Structures are given as structure tokens and as C-alpha cells.
Amino acid sequence: MSEDSTTVKAYVSLSFADTEEALLTSNVTFCTSLPDVRPYIRDLEAVTDAAVAEISLEDCPAWS
């Protein structure tokens, strides 16, 4: 499957909340790539304040 505006990616992140308790927080965001819109995370490899995974259908061959 080639990358186009119909390809959905999920971004799963884990990080510590910026509170005294430093609770572990998580977030899941689904989005598509659009040619005139900046990506959800521009440089995924440079993220240092959270654990982030980018997942697409191509990562799950059993589902295709």
C-alpha cells in the first residue's frame, strides 16, 4: 500500500504528566497524511519526552 491521503496512521504515546505525582499518561491519535498539512510528529526519532509508536496497516500484515 502506498502512502496517500487515505492511509491512516495511529500514534500511541506514553509519558509522565507534568504534575507533582508524575502519573503515567497515554494518548492515541489517528490521522492521515495530507500534502499541504504538517505531519502529526515531524521528527518521530527526535522525541525525547515520551515513548511514541507510529502504527499503520502495513505494520500489521495479518490484518491486510
Protein backbone atom coordinates (compact mmCIF):
# COMPACT_ATOMS: atom_id res chain seq x y z
CA MET A 1 0.00 0.00 0.00
CA SER A 2 1.47 3.33 -0.98
CA GLU A 3 1.26 6.35 1.28
CA ASP A 4 -1.60 8.62 0.28
CA SER A 5 -4.27 10.74 1.91
CA THR A 6 -6.36 7.64 2.71
CA THR A 7 -3.61 5.90 4.71
CA VAL A 8 -4.49 6.12 8.39
CA LYS A 9 -1.73 6.05 10.98
CA ALA A 10 -2.09 5.66 14.71
CA TYR A 11 0.31 7.39 17.07
CA VAL A 12 0.46 5.85 20.54
CA SER A 13 2.36 7.79 23.18
CA LEU A 14 3.29 7.23 26.81
CA SER A 15 4.71 9.96 29.01
CA PHE A 16 4.73 11.25 32.54
CA ALA A 17 2.28 14.03 33.40
CA ASP A 18 3.84 17.37 34.29
CA THR A 19 2.49 17.21 37.83
CA GLU A 20 3.97 16.51 41.25
CA GLU A 21 2.66 12.93 41.09
CA ALA A 22 4.20 12.39 37.61
CA LEU A 23 1.42 9.98 36.66
CA LEU A 24 1.90 7.94 33.52
CA THR A 25 -0.35 9.22 30.75
CA SER A 26 -1.18 7.79 27.35
CA ASN A 27 -2.62 9.16 24.16
CA VAL A 28 -3.76 7.63 20.87
CA THR A 29 -4.17 9.82 17.81
CA PHE A 30 -5.38 8.68 14.39
CA CYS A 31 -4.62 10.77 11.33
CA THR A 32 -3.96 10.73 7.60
CA SER A 33 -1.18 12.43 5.70
CA LEU A 34 -2.21 15.43 3.63
CA PRO A 35 0.15 17.14 1.17
CA ASP A 36 -0.46 20.68 2.47
CA VAL A 37 -0.52 19.84 6.23
CA ARG A 38 2.47 19.31 8.50
CA PRO A 39 2.78 15.74 9.83
CA TYR A 40 1.44 14.95 13.30
CA ILE A 41 5.01 14.46 14.57
CA ARG A 42 7.60 15.96 12.23
CA ASP A 43 10.67 14.07 13.53
CA LEU A 44 9.48 10.99 15.40
CA GLU A 45 13.04 9.82 16.14
CA ALA A 46 13.83 13.11 17.92
CA VAL A 47 11.06 12.79 20.53
CA THR A 48 12.71 12.55 23.96
CA ASP A 49 9.94 13.37 26.44
CA ALA A 50 7.64 10.46 25.53
CA ALA A 51 7.62 6.97 24.08
CA VAL A 52 5.85 7.20 20.72
CA ALA A 53 4.93 4.48 18.25
CA GLU A 54 3.66 5.13 14.73
CA ILE A 55 1.48 2.25 13.53
CA SER A 56 -0.17 1.72 10.16
CA LEU A 57 -1.93 -1.15 8.45
CA GLU A 58 1.39 -2.03 6.78
CA ASP A 59 2.76 -2.85 10.25
CA CYS A 60 0.07 -5.50 10.74
CA PRO A 61 0.22 -7.94 7.80
CA ALA A 62 -2.29 -10.29 9.43
CA TRP A 63 -4.96 -7.57 9.05
CA SER A 64 -4.39 -6.94 5.35
